[in-house]
Amino acid sequence: MPLFKQYSHYIFILACLIATFFFYNKQLGAVPLLALSFFFFYLGFKEIYNLKKSK
């Protein structure tokens, strides 16, 4: 995995963490966590697809 792509994953996770902190007081803390769950689902789906494709 290219280094920039890995850093962009870390930046997205950190941005969701910060957004959760700020949105929690407005009772919107679930929105960044939902985005994070879609992000992890996408990464997992992509990994499974790559495993099936390599066989």
PDB file of N, CA and C in Angstrom:
ATOM      1  N   MET A   1       0.854  -1.181   0.000  1.00  0.00           N
ATOM      2  CA  MET A   1       0.000   0.000   0.000  1.00  0.00           C
ATOM      3  C   MET A   1       0.894   1.236   0.000  1.00  0.00           C
ATOM      4  N   PRO A   2       0.630   2.157  -0.922  1.00  0.00           N
ATOM      5  CA  PRO A   2       1.441   3.379  -0.960  1.00  0.00           C
ATOM      6  C   PRO A   2       1.347   4.155   0.350  1.00  0.00           C
ATOM      7  N   LEU A   3       2.412   4.860   0.644  1.00  0.00           N
ATOM      8  CA  LEU A   3       2.505   5.568   1.916  1.00  0.00           C
ATOM      9  C   LEU A   3       1.443   6.650   2.051  1.00  0.00           C
ATOM     10  N   PHE A   4       1.167   7.395   0.969  1.00  0.00           N
ATOM     11  CA  PHE A   4       0.163   8.458   1.036  1.00  0.00           C
ATOM     12  C   PHE A   4      -1.226   7.887   1.313  1.00  0.00           C
ATOM     13  N   LYS A   5      -1.529   6.734   0.702  1.00  0.00           N
ATOM     14  CA  LYS A   5      -2.833   6.113   0.902  1.00  0.00           C
ATOM     15  C   LYS A   5      -2.999   5.704   2.367  1.00  0.00           C
ATOM     16  N   GLN A   6      -1.937   5.191   2.965  1.00  0.00           N
ATOM     17  CA  GLN A   6      -1.993   4.794   4.372  1.00  0.00           C
ATOM     18  C   GLN A   6      -2.178   6.025   5.258  1.00  0.00           C
ATOM     19  N   TYR A   7      -1.480   7.096   4.951  1.00  0.00           N
ATOM     20  CA  TYR A   7      -1.641   8.322   5.735  1.00  0.00           C
ATOM     21  C   TYR A   7      -3.037   8.910   5.580  1.00  0.00           C
ATOM     22  N   SER A   8      -3.601   8.796   4.380  1.00  0.00           N
ATOM     23  CA  SER A   8      -4.946   9.321   4.187  1.00  0.00           C
ATOM     24  C   SER A   8      -5.963   8.533   5.008  1.00  0.00           C
ATOM     25  N   HIS A   9      -5.738   7.238   5.184  1.00  0.00           N
ATOM     26  CA  HIS A   9      -6.615   6.446   6.054  1.00  0.00           C
ATOM     27  C   HIS A   9      -6.516   6.935   7.493  1.00  0.00           C
ATOM     28  N   TYR A  10      -5.303   7.170   7.952  1.00  0.00           N
ATOM     29  CA  TYR A  10      -5.113   7.665   9.321  1.00  0.00           C
ATOM     30  C   TYR A  10      -5.743   9.047   9.513  1.00  0.00           C
ATOM     31  N   ILE A  11      -5.598   9.895   8.510  1.00  0.00           N
ATOM     32  CA  ILE A  11      -6.164  11.245   8.594  1.00  0.00           C
ATOM     33  C   ILE A  11      -7.682  11.184   8.646  1.00  0.00           C
ATOM     34  N   PHE A  12      -8.295  10.294   7.858  1.00  0.00           N
ATOM     35  CA  PHE A  12      -9.748  10.162   7.866  1.00  0.00           C
ATOM     36  C   PHE A  12     -10.233   9.657   9.233  1.00  0.00           C
ATOM     37  N   ILE A  13      -9.542   8.687   9.802  1.00  0.00           N
ATOM     38  CA  ILE A  13      -9.926   8.168  11.120  1.00  0.00           C
ATOM     39  C   ILE A  13      -9.784   9.252  12.176  1.00  0.00           C
ATOM     40  N   LEU A  14      -8.711  10.013  12.127  1.00  0.00           N
ATOM     41  CA  LEU A  14      -8.509  11.100  13.084  1.00  0.00           C
ATOM     42  C   LEU A  14      -9.560  12.189  12.907  1.00  0.00           C
ATOM     43  N   ALA A  15      -9.915  12.508  11.672  1.00  0.00           N
ATOM     44  CA  ALA A  15     -10.950  13.521  11.421  1.00  0.00           C
ATOM     45  C   ALA A  15     -12.296  13.062  11.959  1.00  0.00           C
ATOM     46  N   CYS A  16     -12.604  11.787  11.817  1.00  0.00           N
ATOM     47  CA  CYS A  16     -13.866  11.263  12.376  1.00  0.00           C
ATOM     48  C   CYS A  16     -13.844  11.320  13.893  1.00  0.00           C
ATOM     49  N   LEU A  17     -12.717  11.053  14.490  1.00  0.00           N
ATOM     50  CA  LEU A  17     -12.604  11.129  15.950  1.00  0.00           C
ATOM     51  C   LEU A  17     -12.823  12.565  16.432  1.00  0.00           C
ATOM     52  N   ILE A  18     -12.217  13.514  15.767  1.00  0.00           N
ATOM     53  CA  ILE A  18     -12.378  14.923  16.144  1.00  0.00           C
ATOM     54  C   ILE A  18     -13.816  15.380  15.895  1.00  0.00           C
ATOM     55  N   ALA A  19     -14.390  14.970  14.761  1.00  0.00           N
ATOM     56  CA  ALA A  19     -15.777  15.346  14.458  1.00  0.00           C
ATOM     57  C   ALA A  19     -16.740  14.761  15.482  1.00  0.00           C
ATOM     58  N   THR A  20     -16.480  13.543  15.930  1.00  0.00           N
ATOM     59  CA  THR A  20     -17.324  12.928  16.959  1.00  0.00           C
ATOM     60  C   THR A  20     -17.267  13.745  18.241  1.00  0.00           C
ATOM     61  N   PHE A  21     -16.086  14.204  18.596  1.00  0.00           N
ATOM     62  CA  PHE A  21     -15.922  15.003  19.811  1.00  0.00           C
ATOM     63  C   PHE A  21     -16.737  16.294  19.735  1.00  0.00           C
ATOM     64  N   PHE A  22     -16.708  16.972  18.592  1.00  0.00           N
ATOM     65  CA  PHE A  22     -17.421  18.240  18.458  1.00  0.00           C
ATOM     66  C   PHE A  22     -18.927  18.048  18.250  1.00  0.00           C
ATOM     67  N   PHE A  23     -19.311  17.006  17.520  1.00  0.00           N
ATOM     68  CA  PHE A  23     -20.735  16.776  17.259  1.00  0.00           C
ATOM     69  C   PHE A  23     -21.460  16.146  18.437  1.00  0.00           C
ATOM     70  N   TYR A  24     -20.720  15.583  19.387  1.00  0.00           N
ATOM     71  CA  TYR A  24     -21.351  14.908  20.518  1.00  0.00           C
ATOM     72  C   TYR A  24     -22.186  15.884  21.339  1.00  0.00           C
ATOM     73  N   ASN A  25     -21.718  17.094  21.516  1.00  0.00           N
ATOM     74  CA  ASN A  25     -22.460  18.090  22.299  1.00  0.00           C
ATOM     75  C   ASN A  25     -23.748  18.517  21.604  1.00  0.00           C
ATOM     76  N   LYS A  26     -23.783  18.408  20.285  1.00  0.00           N
ATOM     77  CA  LYS A  26     -24.995  18.754  19.531  1.00  0.00           C
ATOM     78  C   LYS A  26     -25.867  17.527  19.292  1.00  0.00           C
ATOM     79  N   GLN A  27     -25.548  16.424  19.934  1.00  0.00           N
ATOM     80  CA  GLN A  27     -26.231  15.137  19.819  1.00  0.00           C
ATOM     81  C   GLN A  27     -26.222  14.610  18.391  1.00  0.00           C
ATOM     82  N   LEU A  28     -25.123  14.833  17.699  1.00  0.00           N
ATOM     83  CA  LEU A  28     -24.923  14.317  16.351  1.00  0.00           C
ATOM     84  C   LEU A  28     -23.665  13.445  16.278  1.00  0.00           C
ATOM     85  N   GLY A  29     -23.266  12.883  17.402  1.00  0.00           N
ATOM     86  CA  GLY A  29     -22.026  12.112  17.464  1.00  0.00           C
ATOM     87  C   GLY A  29     -22.053  10.839  16.652  1.00  0.00           C
ATOM     88  N   ALA A  30     -23.235  10.351  16.302  1.00  0.00           N
ATOM     89  CA  ALA A  30     -23.320   9.109  15.541  1.00  0.00           C
ATOM     90  C   ALA A  30     -22.992   9.307  14.064  1.00  0.00           C
ATOM     91  N   VAL A  31     -23.067  10.524  13.571  1.00  0.00           N
ATOM     92  CA  VAL A  31     -22.833  10.771  12.144  1.00  0.00           C
ATOM     93  C   VAL A  31     -21.390  10.423  11.749  1.00  0.00           C
ATOM     94  N   PRO A  32     -20.360  10.916  12.433  1.00  0.00           N
ATOM     95  CA  PRO A  32     -18.999  10.524  12.051  1.00  0.00           C
ATOM     96  C   PRO A  32     -18.730   9.037  12.296  1.00  0.00           C
ATOM     97  N   LEU A  33     -19.353   8.471  13.312  1.00  0.00           N
ATOM     98  CA  LEU A  33     -19.160   7.042  13.556  1.00  0.00           C
ATOM     99  C   LEU A  33     -19.799   6.209  12.452  1.00  0.00           C
ATOM    100  N   LEU A  34     -20.907   6.672  11.908  1.00  0.00           N
ATOM    101  CA  LEU A  34     -21.532   5.997  10.777  1.00  0.00           C
ATOM    102  C   LEU A  34     -20.635   6.086   9.544  1.00  0.00           C
ATOM    103  N   ALA A  35     -20.046   7.247   9.322  1.00  0.00           N
ATOM    104  CA  ALA A  35     -19.116   7.404   8.200  1.00  0.00           C
ATOM    105  C   ALA A  35     -17.906   6.489   8.380  1.00  0.00           C
ATOM    106  N   LEU A  36     -17.433   6.366   9.600  1.00  0.00           N
ATOM    107  CA  LEU A  36     -16.297   5.500   9.886  1.00  0.00           C
ATOM    108  C   LEU A  36     -16.650   4.030   9.661  1.00  0.00           C
ATOM    109  N   SER A  37     -17.868   3.646  10.008  1.00  0.00           N
ATOM    110  CA  SER A  37     -18.274   2.255   9.782  1.00  0.00           C
ATOM    111  C   SER A  37     -18.361   1.954   8.289  1.00  0.00           C
ATOM    112  N   PHE A  38     -18.851   2.903   7.480  1.00  0.00           N
ATOM    113  CA  PHE A  38     -18.863   2.708   6.033  1.00  0.00           C
ATOM    114  C   PHE A  38     -17.440   2.611   5.484  1.00  0.00           C
ATOM    115  N   PHE A  39     -16.549   3.415   6.034  1.00  0.00           N
ATOM    116  CA  PHE A  39     -15.151   3.396   5.604  1.00  0.00           C
ATOM    117  C   PHE A  39     -14.515   2.035   5.886  1.00  0.00           C
ATOM    118  N   PHE A  40     -14.730   1.496   7.082  1.00  0.00           N
ATOM    119  CA  PHE A  40     -14.162   0.190   7.427  1.00  0.00           C
ATOM    120  C   PHE A  40     -14.830  -0.929   6.630  1.00  0.00           C
ATOM    121  N   PHE A  41     -16.123  -0.804   6.359  1.00  0.00           N
ATOM    122  CA  PHE A  41     -16.797  -1.790   5.527  1.00  0.00           C
ATOM    123  C   PHE A  41     -16.207  -1.788   4.127  1.00  0.00           C
ATOM    124  N   TYR A  42     -15.963  -0.607   3.580  1.00  0.00           N
ATOM    125  CA  TYR A  42     -15.362  -0.500   2.253  1.00  0.00           C
ATOM    126  C   TYR A  42     -13.973  -1.129   2.223  1.00  0.00           C
ATOM    127  N   LEU A  43     -13.154  -0.847   3.232  1.00  0.00           N
ATOM    128  CA  LEU A  43     -11.812  -1.423   3.263  1.00  0.00           C
ATOM    129  C   LEU A  43     -11.868  -2.946   3.374  1.00  0.00           C
ATOM    130  N   GLY A  44     -12.763  -3.445   4.204  1.00  0.00           N
ATOM    131  CA  GLY A  44     -12.897  -4.892   4.346  1.00  0.00           C
ATOM    132  C   GLY A  44     -13.399  -5.542   3.070  1.00  0.00           C
ATOM    133  N   PHE A  45     -14.384  -4.930   2.433  1.00  0.00           N
ATOM    134  CA  PHE A  45     -14.918  -5.468   1.182  1.00  0.00           C
ATOM    135  C   PHE A  45     -13.846  -5.487   0.099  1.00  0.00           C
ATOM    136  N   LYS A  46     -13.061  -4.419   0.035  1.00  0.00           N
ATOM    137  CA  LYS A  46     -11.987  -4.338  -0.954  1.00  0.00           C
ATOM    138  C   LYS A  46     -10.925  -5.416  -0.697  1.00  0.00           C
ATOM    139  N   GLU A  47     -10.629  -5.665   0.571  1.00  0.00           N
ATOM    140  CA  GLU A  47      -9.641  -6.691   0.925  1.00  0.00           C
ATOM    141  C   GLU A  47     -10.144  -8.087   0.566  1.00  0.00           C
ATOM    142  N   ILE A  48     -11.401  -8.365   0.845  1.00  0.00           N
ATOM    143  CA  ILE A  48     -11.966  -9.677   0.504  1.00  0.00           C
ATOM    144  C   ILE A  48     -12.004  -9.853  -1.012  1.00  0.00           C
ATOM    145  N   TYR A  49     -12.382  -8.794  -1.734  1.00  0.00           N
ATOM    146  CA  TYR A  49     -12.418  -8.874  -3.194  1.00  0.00           C
ATOM    147  C   TYR A  49     -11.022  -9.144  -3.758  1.00  0.00           C
ATOM    148  N   ASN A  50     -10.004  -8.521  -3.181  1.00  0.00           N
ATOM    149  CA  ASN A  50      -8.636  -8.731  -3.649  1.00  0.00           C
ATOM    150  C   ASN A  50      -8.164 -10.160  -3.331  1.00  0.00           C
ATOM    151  N   LEU A  51      -8.596 -10.716  -2.188  1.00  0.00           N
ATOM    152  CA  LEU A  51      -8.237 -12.094  -1.855  1.00  0.00           C
ATOM    153  C   LEU A  51      -8.868 -13.067  -2.840  1.00  0.00           C
ATOM    154  N   LYS A  52     -10.143 -12.861  -3.167  1.00  0.00           N
ATOM    155  CA  LYS A  52     -10.812 -13.760  -4.121  1.00  0.00           C
ATOM    156  C   LYS A  52     -10.227 -13.608  -5.513  1.00  0.00           C
ATOM    157  N   LYS A  53      -9.832 -12.386  -5.866  1.00  0.00           N
ATOM    158  CA  LYS A  53      -9.293 -12.138  -7.200  1.00  0.00           C
ATOM    159  C   LYS A  53      -7.913 -12.765  -7.357  1.00  0.00           C
ATOM    160  N   SER A  54      -7.135 -12.838  -6.281  1.00  0.00           N
ATOM    161  CA  SER A  54      -5.768 -13.367  -6.376  1.00  0.00           C
ATOM    162  C   SER A  54      -5.740 -14.891  -6.445  1.00  0.00           C
ATOM    163  N   LYS A  55      -6.823 -15.564  -6.093  1.00  0.00           N
ATOM    164  CA  LYS A  55      -6.829 -17.034  -6.124  1.00  0.00           C
ATOM    165  C   LYS A  55      -7.027 -17.572  -7.480  1.00  0.00           C
TER     166      LYS A  55
END
